[in-house]
C-alpha atoms as a PDB file:
ATOM      1  CA  MET A   1       2.488   1.372  -6.565  1.00  0.00           C
ATOM      2  CA  THR A   2       2.874  -0.770  -9.693  1.00  0.00           C
ATOM      3  CA  ARG A   3       4.199   0.482 -13.027  1.00  0.00           C
ATOM      4  CA  ILE A   4       0.569   0.519 -14.196  1.00  0.00           C
ATOM      5  CA  ASP A   5      -0.504   2.768 -11.315  1.00  0.00           C
ATOM      6  CA  ALA A   6       2.496   5.024 -11.947  1.00  0.00           C
ATOM      7  CA  LYS A   7       1.724   5.277 -15.662  1.00  0.00           C
ATOM      8  CA  PHE A   8      -1.874   6.334 -15.077  1.00  0.00           C
ATOM      9  CA  ALA A   9      -0.772   8.882 -12.454  1.00  0.00           C
ATOM     10  CA  GLU A  10       1.696  10.303 -14.985  1.00  0.00           C
ATOM     11  CA  LEU A  11      -0.943  10.456 -17.741  1.00  0.00           C
ATOM     12  CA  LYS A  12      -3.485  12.067 -15.422  1.00  0.00           C
ATOM     13  CA  ALA A  13      -0.977  14.730 -14.396  1.00  0.00           C
ATOM     14  CA  ALA A  14      -0.368  15.464 -18.085  1.00  0.00           C
ATOM     15  CA  GLY A  15      -4.098  15.545 -18.878  1.00  0.00           C
ATOM     16  CA  GLN A  16      -3.621  12.720 -21.364  1.00  0.00           C
ATOM     17  CA  LYS A  17      -5.461   9.511 -22.203  1.00  0.00           C
ATOM     18  CA  ALA A  18      -3.740   6.116 -22.368  1.00  0.00           C
ATOM     19  CA  PHE A  19      -2.964   4.083 -25.444  1.00  0.00           C
ATOM     20  CA  VAL A  20      -2.606   0.337 -24.921  1.00  0.00           C
ATOM     21  CA  ALA A  21      -1.319  -2.006 -27.643  1.00  0.00           C
ATOM     22  CA  TYR A  22      -1.857  -5.771 -27.738  1.00  0.00           C
ATOM     23  CA  VAL A  23       0.548  -8.090 -29.532  1.00  0.00           C
ATOM     24  CA  MET A  24       0.770 -11.871 -29.498  1.00  0.00           C
ATOM     25  CA  ALA A  25       4.076 -13.083 -28.082  1.00  0.00           C
ATOM     26  CA  GLY A  26       6.020 -14.984 -30.719  1.00  0.00           C
ATOM     27  CA  ASP A  27       4.017 -13.786 -33.738  1.00  0.00           C
ATOM     28  CA  PRO A  28       5.129 -13.960 -36.508  1.00  0.00           C
ATOM     29  CA  ASP A  29       8.297 -15.338 -34.887  1.00  0.00           C
ATOM     30  CA  TYR A  30      10.278 -14.744 -31.710  1.00  0.00           C
ATOM     31  CA  ASP A  31      12.786 -12.248 -33.098  1.00  0.00           C
ATOM     32  CA  ARG A  32      10.331 -10.025 -34.982  1.00  0.00           C
ATOM     33  CA  SER A  33       7.862 -10.172 -32.122  1.00  0.00           C
ATOM     34  CA  LEU A  34      10.537  -8.978 -29.702  1.00  0.00           C
ATOM     35  CA  GLU A  35      11.565  -6.228 -32.131  1.00  0.00           C
ATOM     36  CA  VAL A  36       7.959  -4.996 -32.279  1.00  0.00           C
ATOM     37  CA  ILE A  37       7.571  -5.105 -28.494  1.00  0.00           C
ATOM     38  CA  LYS A  38      10.784  -3.145 -27.983  1.00  0.00           C
ATOM     39  CA  GLY A  39       9.582  -0.549 -30.505  1.00  0.00           C
ATOM     40  CA  LEU A  40       6.125   0.008 -29.015  1.00  0.00           C
ATOM     41  CA  PRO A  41       7.042   2.623 -26.362  1.00  0.00           C
ATOM     42  CA  GLY A  42       8.820   4.730 -28.981  1.00  0.00           C
ATOM     43  CA  ALA A  43       5.657   4.551 -31.096  1.00  0.00           C
ATOM     44  CA  GLY A  44       3.646   6.118 -28.272  1.00  0.00           C
ATOM     45  CA  VAL A  45       2.364   3.025 -26.480  1.00  0.00           C
ATOM     46  CA  ASP A  46       1.744   3.602 -22.766  1.00  0.00           C
ATOM     47  CA  ILE A  47       1.000   0.003 -21.752  1.00  0.00           C
ATOM     48  CA  ILE A  48       1.854  -3.225 -23.577  1.00  0.00           C
ATOM     49  CA  GLU A  49      -0.557  -6.162 -23.520  1.00  0.00           C
ATOM     50  CA  LEU A  50       1.431  -9.290 -24.258  1.00  0.00           C
ATOM     51  CA  GLY A  51      -0.684 -12.185 -25.463  1.00  0.00           C
ATOM     52  CA  MET A  52       0.080 -15.684 -24.197  1.00  0.00           C
ATOM     53  CA  PRO A  53      -0.487 -18.100 -27.093  1.00  0.00           C
ATOM     54  CA  PHE A  54      -3.056 -20.778 -26.261  1.00  0.00           C
ATOM     55  CA  THR A  55      -4.630 -23.568 -28.257  1.00  0.00           C
ATOM     56  CA  ASP A  56      -8.257 -22.708 -27.411  1.00  0.00           C
ATOM     57  CA  PRO A  57      -8.612 -18.894 -27.249  1.00  0.00           C
ATOM     58  CA  MET A  58     -12.398 -18.676 -26.862  1.00  0.00           C
ATOM     59  CA  ALA A  59     -12.657 -14.875 -26.573  1.00  0.00           C
ATOM     60  CA  ASP A  60     -10.507 -14.134 -29.595  1.00  0.00           C
ATOM     61  CA  GLY A  61     -11.566 -13.598 -33.172  1.00  0.00           C
ATOM     62  CA  PRO A  62      -9.868 -15.140 -36.224  1.00  0.00           C
ATOM     63  CA  THR A  63      -7.045 -12.580 -36.413  1.00  0.00           C
ATOM     64  CA  ILE A  64      -5.749 -13.224 -32.897  1.00  0.00           C
ATOM     65  CA  GLN A  65      -6.551 -16.945 -33.041  1.00  0.00           C
ATOM     66  CA  LEU A  66      -4.347 -17.261 -36.116  1.00  0.00           C
ATOM     67  CA  ALA A  67      -1.612 -15.207 -34.446  1.00  0.00           C
ATOM     68  CA  GLY A  68      -1.645 -17.633 -31.534  1.00  0.00           C
ATOM     69  CA  GLN A  69      -1.458 -20.578 -33.912  1.00  0.00           C
ATOM     70  CA  ARG A  70       1.493 -19.052 -35.759  1.00  0.00           C
ATOM     71  CA  ALA A  71       3.281 -18.412 -32.487  1.00  0.00           C
ATOM     72  CA  LEU A  72       2.694 -21.942 -31.199  1.00  0.00           C
ATOM     73  CA  GLU A  73       3.756 -23.480 -34.512  1.00  0.00           C
ATOM     74  CA  GLY A  74       6.908 -21.366 -34.305  1.00  0.00           C
ATOM     75  CA  GLY A  75       7.738 -22.881 -30.926  1.00  0.00           C
ATOM     76  CA  GLN A  76       6.520 -20.093 -28.647  1.00  0.00           C
ATOM     77  CA  THR A  77       6.055 -21.251 -25.051  1.00  0.00           C
ATOM     78  CA  LEU A  78       5.207 -19.608 -21.745  1.00  0.00           C
ATOM     79  CA  ASP A  79       8.927 -19.736 -20.891  1.00  0.00           C
ATOM     80  CA  LYS A  80       9.762 -17.852 -24.097  1.00  0.00           C
ATOM     81  CA  THR A  81       7.017 -15.300 -23.444  1.00  0.00           C
ATOM     82  CA  LEU A  82       8.450 -14.579 -20.001  1.00  0.00           C
ATOM     83  CA  ALA A  83      11.927 -14.433 -21.552  1.00  0.00           C
ATOM     84  CA  MET A  84      10.686 -11.782 -24.012  1.00  0.00           C
ATOM     85  CA  ALA A  85       9.445  -9.643 -21.136  1.00  0.00           C
ATOM     86  CA  ALA A  86      12.761 -10.052 -19.311  1.00  0.00           C
ATOM     87  CA  GLU A  87      14.658  -9.072 -22.474  1.00  0.00           C
ATOM     88  CA  PHE A  88      12.441  -5.986 -22.892  1.00  0.00           C
ATOM     89  CA  ARG A  89      13.150  -4.989 -19.279  1.00  0.00           C
ATOM     90  CA  LYS A  90      16.891  -4.815 -19.978  1.00  0.00           C
ATOM     91  CA  THR A  91      16.327  -1.526 -21.823  1.00  0.00           C
ATOM     92  CA  ASP A  92      12.942  -0.318 -20.485  1.00  0.00           C
ATOM     93  CA  ASP A  93      12.124  -0.363 -16.797  1.00  0.00           C
ATOM     94  CA  THR A  94       9.086   1.925 -16.912  1.00  0.00           C
ATOM     95  CA  THR A  95       6.605   0.761 -19.580  1.00  0.00           C
ATOM     96  CA  PRO A  96       4.010  -1.545 -17.964  1.00  0.00           C
ATOM     97  CA  ILE A  97       3.509  -5.038 -19.392  1.00  0.00           C
ATOM     98  CA  VAL A  98       0.219  -6.870 -18.893  1.00  0.00           C
ATOM     99  CA  MET A  99       0.105 -10.551 -19.811  1.00  0.00           C
ATOM    100  CA  MET A 100      -3.228 -11.443 -21.373  1.00  0.00           C
ATOM    101  CA  GLY A 101      -4.537 -14.903 -22.003  1.00  0.00           C
ATOM    102  CA  TYR A 102      -6.132 -17.975 -20.488  1.00  0.00           C
ATOM    103  CA  TYR A 103      -5.706 -19.849 -17.244  1.00  0.00           C
ATOM    104  CA  ASN A 104      -4.655 -23.263 -18.537  1.00  0.00           C
ATOM    105  CA  PRO A 105      -0.943 -22.466 -19.180  1.00  0.00           C
ATOM    106  CA  ILE A 106      -0.700 -20.746 -15.783  1.00  0.00           C
ATOM    107  CA  TYR A 107      -2.417 -23.666 -14.022  1.00  0.00           C
ATOM    108  CA  ASN A 108      -0.109 -26.152 -15.727  1.00  0.00           C
ATOM    109  CA  ARG A 109       2.942 -24.210 -14.554  1.00  0.00           C
ATOM    110  CA  GLY A 110       1.583 -23.818 -11.028  1.00  0.00           C
ATOM    111  CA  VAL A 111       0.274 -20.498  -9.748  1.00  0.00           C
ATOM    112  CA  ALA A 112       3.037 -19.825  -7.213  1.00  0.00           C
ATOM    113  CA  ARG A 113       5.812 -20.619  -9.699  1.00  0.00           C
ATOM    114  CA  PHE A 114       4.143 -18.601 -12.444  1.00  0.00           C
ATOM    115  CA  LEU A 115       3.752 -15.526 -10.226  1.00  0.00           C
ATOM    116  CA  ASP A 116       7.388 -15.745  -9.092  1.00  0.00           C
ATOM    117  CA  ASP A 117       8.537 -16.054 -12.711  1.00  0.00           C
ATOM    118  CA  ALA A 118       6.249 -13.255 -13.910  1.00  0.00           C
ATOM    119  CA  ARG A 119       7.538 -10.893 -11.239  1.00  0.00           C
ATOM    120  CA  ALA A 120      11.135 -11.788 -12.059  1.00  0.00           C
ATOM    121  CA  ALA A 121      10.484 -11.142 -15.775  1.00  0.00           C
ATOM    122  CA  GLY A 122       9.061  -7.678 -15.077  1.00  0.00           C
ATOM    123  CA  ILE A 123       5.362  -8.379 -15.644  1.00  0.00           C
ATOM    124  CA  ASP A 124       3.076  -5.827 -13.986  1.00  0.00           C
ATOM    125  CA  GLY A 125      -0.433  -7.180 -14.459  1.00  0.00           C
ATOM    126  CA  LEU A 126      -2.591 -10.045 -15.668  1.00  0.00           C
ATOM    127  CA  ILE A 127      -5.759 -10.318 -17.721  1.00  0.00           C
ATOM    128  CA  VAL A 128      -7.045 -13.884 -17.592  1.00  0.00           C
ATOM    129  CA  VAL A 129     -10.281 -13.916 -19.506  1.00  0.00           C
ATOM    130  CA  ASP A 130     -11.639 -17.310 -18.439  1.00  0.00           C
ATOM    131  CA  LEU A 131     -11.392 -16.827 -14.658  1.00  0.00           C
ATOM    132  CA  PRO A 132     -14.609 -15.254 -13.275  1.00  0.00           C
ATOM    133  CA  PRO A 133     -14.659 -13.336  -9.966  1.00  0.00           C
ATOM    134  CA  GLU A 134     -16.019 -16.435  -8.245  1.00  0.00           C
ATOM    135  CA  GLU A 135     -12.556 -17.977  -8.778  1.00  0.00           C
ATOM    136  CA  ASP A 136     -10.586 -15.055  -7.305  1.00  0.00           C
ATOM    137  CA  ASP A 137      -8.854 -17.267  -4.742  1.00  0.00           C
ATOM    138  CA  GLU A 138      -7.364 -19.280  -7.616  1.00  0.00           C
ATOM    139  CA  LEU A 139      -5.167 -16.553  -9.134  1.00  0.00           C
ATOM    140  CA  CYS A 140      -6.480 -13.021  -8.587  1.00  0.00           C
ATOM    141  CA  ILE A 141      -5.823 -12.794  -4.839  1.00  0.00           C
ATOM    142  CA  PRO A 142      -2.403 -14.522  -5.011  1.00  0.00           C
ATOM    143  CA  ALA A 143      -1.413 -12.235  -7.917  1.00  0.00           C
ATOM    144  CA  GLN A 144      -2.321  -9.099  -5.982  1.00  0.00           C
ATOM    145  CA  LYS A 145      -0.400 -10.362  -2.949  1.00  0.00           C
ATOM    146  CA  ALA A 146       2.588 -10.895  -5.241  1.00  0.00           C
ATOM    147  CA  GLY A 147       2.384  -7.258  -6.356  1.00  0.00           C
ATOM    148  CA  LEU A 148       0.756  -7.771  -9.757  1.00  0.00           C
ATOM    149  CA  ASN A 149      -2.396  -5.972 -10.831  1.00  0.00           C
ATOM    150  CA  PHE A 150      -5.297  -8.221 -11.783  1.00  0.00           C
ATOM    151  CA  ILE A 151      -7.342  -6.535 -14.485  1.00  0.00           C
ATOM    152  CA  ARG A 152     -10.922  -7.572 -15.084  1.00  0.00           C
ATOM    153  CA  LEU A 153     -13.085  -7.284 -18.157  1.00  0.00           C
ATOM    154  CA  ALA A 154     -16.506  -5.619 -18.082  1.00  0.00           C
ATOM    155  CA  THR A 155     -18.788  -6.022 -21.092  1.00  0.00           C
ATOM    156  CA  PRO A 156     -22.070  -4.654 -22.457  1.00  0.00           C
ATOM    157  CA  THR A 157     -23.805  -7.573 -20.700  1.00  0.00           C
ATOM    158  CA  THR A 158     -22.282  -6.763 -17.268  1.00  0.00           C
ATOM    159  CA  ASP A 159     -25.399  -5.351 -15.601  1.00  0.00           C
ATOM    160  CA  ASP A 160     -25.618  -3.284 -12.411  1.00  0.00           C
ATOM    161  CA  LYS A 161     -26.141  -6.407 -10.324  1.00  0.00           C
ATOM    162  CA  ARG A 162     -23.021  -8.103 -11.678  1.00  0.00           C
ATOM    163  CA  LEU A 163     -20.713  -5.071 -11.914  1.00  0.00           C
ATOM    164  CA  PRO A 164     -19.791  -4.785  -8.183  1.00  0.00           C
ATOM    165  CA  LYS A 165     -18.680  -8.432  -8.232  1.00  0.00           C
ATOM    166  CA  VAL A 166     -16.500  -7.784 -11.287  1.00  0.00           C
ATOM    167  CA  LEU A 167     -14.939  -4.717  -9.674  1.00  0.00           C
ATOM    168  CA  GLN A 168     -14.362  -6.017  -6.149  1.00  0.00           C
ATOM    169  CA  ASN A 169     -10.805  -7.338  -6.568  1.00  0.00           C
ATOM    170  CA  THR A 170      -9.838  -5.577  -9.787  1.00  0.00           C
ATOM    171  CA  SER A 171      -6.770  -3.333  -9.760  1.00  0.00           C
ATOM    172  CA  GLY A 172      -4.694  -1.346 -12.240  1.00  0.00           C
ATOM    173  CA  PHE A 173      -7.559  -0.550 -14.578  1.00  0.00           C
ATOM    174  CA  VAL A 174     -10.880  -1.898 -15.813  1.00  0.00           C
ATOM    175  CA  TYR A 175     -10.928  -3.182 -19.383  1.00  0.00           C
ATOM    176  CA  TYR A 176     -14.307  -2.412 -20.944  1.00  0.00           C
ATOM    177  CA  VAL A 177     -15.133  -4.584 -23.950  1.00  0.00           C
ATOM    178  CA  SER A 178     -16.952  -2.258 -26.336  1.00  0.00           C
ATOM    179  CA  ILE A 179     -18.886  -4.906 -28.245  1.00  0.00           C
ATOM    180  CA  THR A 180     -20.661  -8.173 -27.570  1.00  0.00           C
ATOM    181  CA  GLY A 181     -18.686 -11.015 -29.111  1.00  0.00           C
ATOM    182  CA  ILE A 182     -15.129 -11.872 -30.063  1.00  0.00           C
ATOM    183  CA  THR A 183     -12.177  -9.598 -30.793  1.00  0.00           C
ATOM    184  CA  GLY A 184     -12.121  -7.912 -34.180  1.00  0.00           C
ATOM    185  CA  ALA A 185     -15.806  -8.663 -34.826  1.00  0.00           C
ATOM    186  CA  ALA A 186     -17.291  -5.166 -35.082  1.00  0.00           C
ATOM    187  CA  SER A 187     -16.479  -1.477 -34.745  1.00  0.00           C
ATOM    188  CA  ALA A 188     -16.597   0.358 -31.438  1.00  0.00           C
ATOM    189  CA  GLN A 189     -19.014   3.281 -31.255  1.00  0.00           C
ATOM    190  CA  ALA A 190     -18.271   6.123 -28.855  1.00  0.00           C
ATOM    191  CA  ALA A 191     -21.989   6.928 -28.512  1.00  0.00           C
ATOM    192  CA  ASP A 192     -22.593   3.421 -27.148  1.00  0.00           C
ATOM    193  CA  VAL A 193     -19.417   3.224 -25.094  1.00  0.00           C
ATOM    194  CA  GLY A 194     -19.650   6.592 -23.309  1.00  0.00           C
ATOM    195  CA  PRO A 195     -22.667   5.848 -21.093  1.00  0.00           C
ATOM    196  CA  GLU A 196     -21.271   2.428 -20.181  1.00  0.00           C
ATOM    197  CA  VAL A 197     -17.911   3.893 -19.161  1.00  0.00           C
ATOM    198  CA  ALA A 198     -19.737   6.480 -17.035  1.00  0.00           C
ATOM    199  CA  ARG A 199     -21.748   3.686 -15.384  1.00  0.00           C
ATOM    200  CA  ILE A 200     -18.562   1.808 -14.468  1.00  0.00           C
ATOM    201  CA  LYS A 201     -16.745   4.940 -13.272  1.00  0.00           C
ATOM    202  CA  ALA A 202     -19.644   5.678 -10.933  1.00  0.00           C
ATOM    203  CA  GLN A 203     -18.665   2.510  -9.043  1.00  0.00           C
ATOM    204  CA  THR A 204     -14.856   2.627  -9.135  1.00  0.00           C
ATOM    205  CA  ASP A 205     -11.953   5.066  -9.014  1.00  0.00           C
ATOM    206  CA  LEU A 206      -9.941   2.878 -11.387  1.00  0.00           C
ATOM    207  CA  PRO A 207      -9.245   4.061 -14.942  1.00  0.00           C
ATOM    208  CA  VAL A 208     -11.544   2.511 -17.548  1.00  0.00           C
ATOM    209  CA  ILE A 209      -9.831   1.538 -20.807  1.00  0.00           C
ATOM    210  CA  VAL A 210     -11.873   0.462 -23.828  1.00  0.00           C
ATOM    211  CA  GLY A 211     -10.919  -2.229 -26.304  1.00  0.00           C
ATOM    212  CA  PHE A 212     -12.346  -4.360 -29.144  1.00  0.00           C
ATOM    213  CA  GLY A 213     -13.389  -2.822 -32.454  1.00  0.00           C
ATOM    214  CA  ILE A 214     -10.798   0.000 -32.687  1.00  0.00           C
ATOM    215  CA  ARG A 215      -8.920  -0.006 -35.992  1.00  0.00           C
ATOM    216  CA  SER A 216      -8.140   3.604 -36.899  1.00  0.00           C
ATOM    217  CA  PRO A 217      -6.653   6.753 -35.342  1.00  0.00           C
ATOM    218  CA  GLU A 218     -10.088   8.388 -35.616  1.00  0.00           C
ATOM    219  CA  THR A 219     -11.830   5.635 -33.647  1.00  0.00           C
ATOM    220  CA  SER A 220      -8.956   5.561 -31.169  1.00  0.00           C
ATOM    221  CA  ARG A 221      -9.457   9.285 -30.541  1.00  0.00           C
ATOM    222  CA  GLU A 222     -13.253   8.987 -30.300  1.00  0.00           C
ATOM    223  CA  ILE A 223     -13.125   6.103 -27.835  1.00  0.00           C
ATOM    224  CA  ALA A 224     -10.365   7.675 -25.715  1.00  0.00           C
ATOM    225  CA  GLY A 225     -12.525  10.796 -25.634  1.00  0.00           C
ATOM    226  CA  VAL A 226     -15.225   8.984 -23.642  1.00  0.00           C
ATOM    227  CA  ALA A 227     -12.902   6.775 -21.552  1.00  0.00           C
ATOM    228  CA  ASP A 228      -9.474   6.879 -19.916  1.00  0.00           C
ATOM    229  CA  GLY A 229      -7.842   5.334 -22.942  1.00  0.00           C
ATOM    230  CA  ALA A 230      -8.089   2.890 -25.831  1.00  0.00           C
ATOM    231  CA  VAL A 231      -6.751  -0.599 -26.555  1.00  0.00           C
ATOM    232  CA  VAL A 232      -5.956  -1.879 -30.050  1.00  0.00           C
ATOM    233  CA  GLY A 233      -5.086  -5.491 -30.766  1.00  0.00           C
ATOM    234  CA  SER A 234      -6.529  -7.135 -33.873  1.00  0.00           C
ATOM    235  CA  ALA A 235      -5.654  -4.247 -36.200  1.00  0.00           C
ATOM    236  CA  ILE A 236      -1.994  -4.366 -35.111  1.00  0.00           C
ATOM    237  CA  VAL A 237      -1.841  -8.151 -35.228  1.00  0.00           C
ATOM    238  CA  GLY A 238      -3.413  -8.000 -38.696  1.00  0.00           C
ATOM    239  CA  LYS A 239      -0.553  -5.835 -39.959  1.00  0.00           C
ATOM    240  CA  LEU A 240       1.930  -8.450 -38.787  1.00  0.00           C
ATOM    241  CA  ALA A 241      -0.126 -11.185 -40.447  1.00  0.00           C
ATOM    242  CA  GLU A 242       0.097  -9.300 -43.742  1.00  0.00           C
ATOM    243  CA  GLY A 243       3.868  -9.498 -43.490  1.00  0.00           C
ATOM    244  CA  ALA A 244       4.342  -5.758 -42.994  1.00  0.00           C
ATOM    245  CA  PRO A 245       7.876  -4.757 -41.977  1.00  0.00           C
ATOM    246  CA  VAL A 246       8.351  -3.944 -38.307  1.00  0.00           C
ATOM    247  CA  ALA A 247       8.904  -0.258 -39.091  1.00  0.00           C
ATOM    248  CA  GLU A 248       5.570  -0.126 -40.942  1.00  0.00           C
ATOM    249  CA  VAL A 249       3.767  -1.850 -38.064  1.00  0.00           C
ATOM    250  CA  LEU A 250       5.213   0.631 -35.584  1.00  0.00           C
ATOM    251  CA  GLU A 251       4.250   3.572 -37.794  1.00  0.00           C
ATOM    252  CA  PHE A 252       0.677   2.253 -37.850  1.00  0.00           C
ATOM    253  CA  VAL A 253       0.777   1.948 -34.047  1.00  0.00           C
ATOM    254  CA  ARG A 254       2.049   5.533 -33.800  1.00  0.00           C
ATOM    255  CA  GLY A 255      -1.010   6.799 -35.664  1.00  0.00           C
ATOM    256  CA  LEU A 256      -3.334   4.925 -33.297  1.00  0.00           C
ATOM    257  CA  ALA A 257      -1.440   6.219 -30.258  1.00  0.00           C
ATOM    258  CA  ASP A 258      -1.546   9.790 -31.571  1.00  0.00           C
ATOM    259  CA  GLY A 259      -5.289   9.398 -31.994  1.00  0.00           C
ATOM    260  CA  ALA A 260      -5.799   8.374 -28.356  1.00  0.00           C
ATOM    261  CA  HIS A 261      -3.410  11.034 -27.072  1.00  0.00           C
ATOM    262  CA  SER A 262      -5.226  13.768 -28.983  1.00  0.00           C
ATOM    263  CA  ALA A 263      -8.549  12.986 -27.277  1.00  0.00           C
END
């Protein structure tokens, strides 16, 4: 059982939905980024999504693209991202960390080396948005053999014919993208999301977590009410981009987490 599996078992036993927070590693700089990450569990975050900065983030909207650029310009590397996770693990051995990003940096490092390093750093799962199920032998299967969950995205365009393929080697949870398009582009609507989550849950026992388009405690609660939890990224990253103090960012996160937990 991974930390992700254990977290969802704990939440289910408590009758509670999950709140997942995304932050870009190294944004706005290494030290403040690490301070935010270390503060997330205390702000109510159940699972941390740690973004891997990449030069061509095709699924990300302007807010997260700019965060990646700031991180890269500040010298953030894959080594430093893994080091952040390892530093976090010195004081927190229970909160799951999912690394989210693109395949190129992993490929350049070498899959076997990356998986060894990720395990050693305390990473629990991967979301690699540009690797389709047809490429499962490339990273998904080796990751699962190494004890990491491989989390797949389902979207409004994932029809009933495609869905079984998406689900076949997914573990940990399914990440449902609430809107068509890039991150931060529109607002999630529970009335649209609910039937889609039900459709996915009819084909898997995995938790279904919904992300994209969630910016307020109210929307976090509404979306968590029709799913197993909510993910917020752009709204949190936007606070950091505005130069908000870490304490203010974490207070904002707490409101979002309280929203999801009250569903």
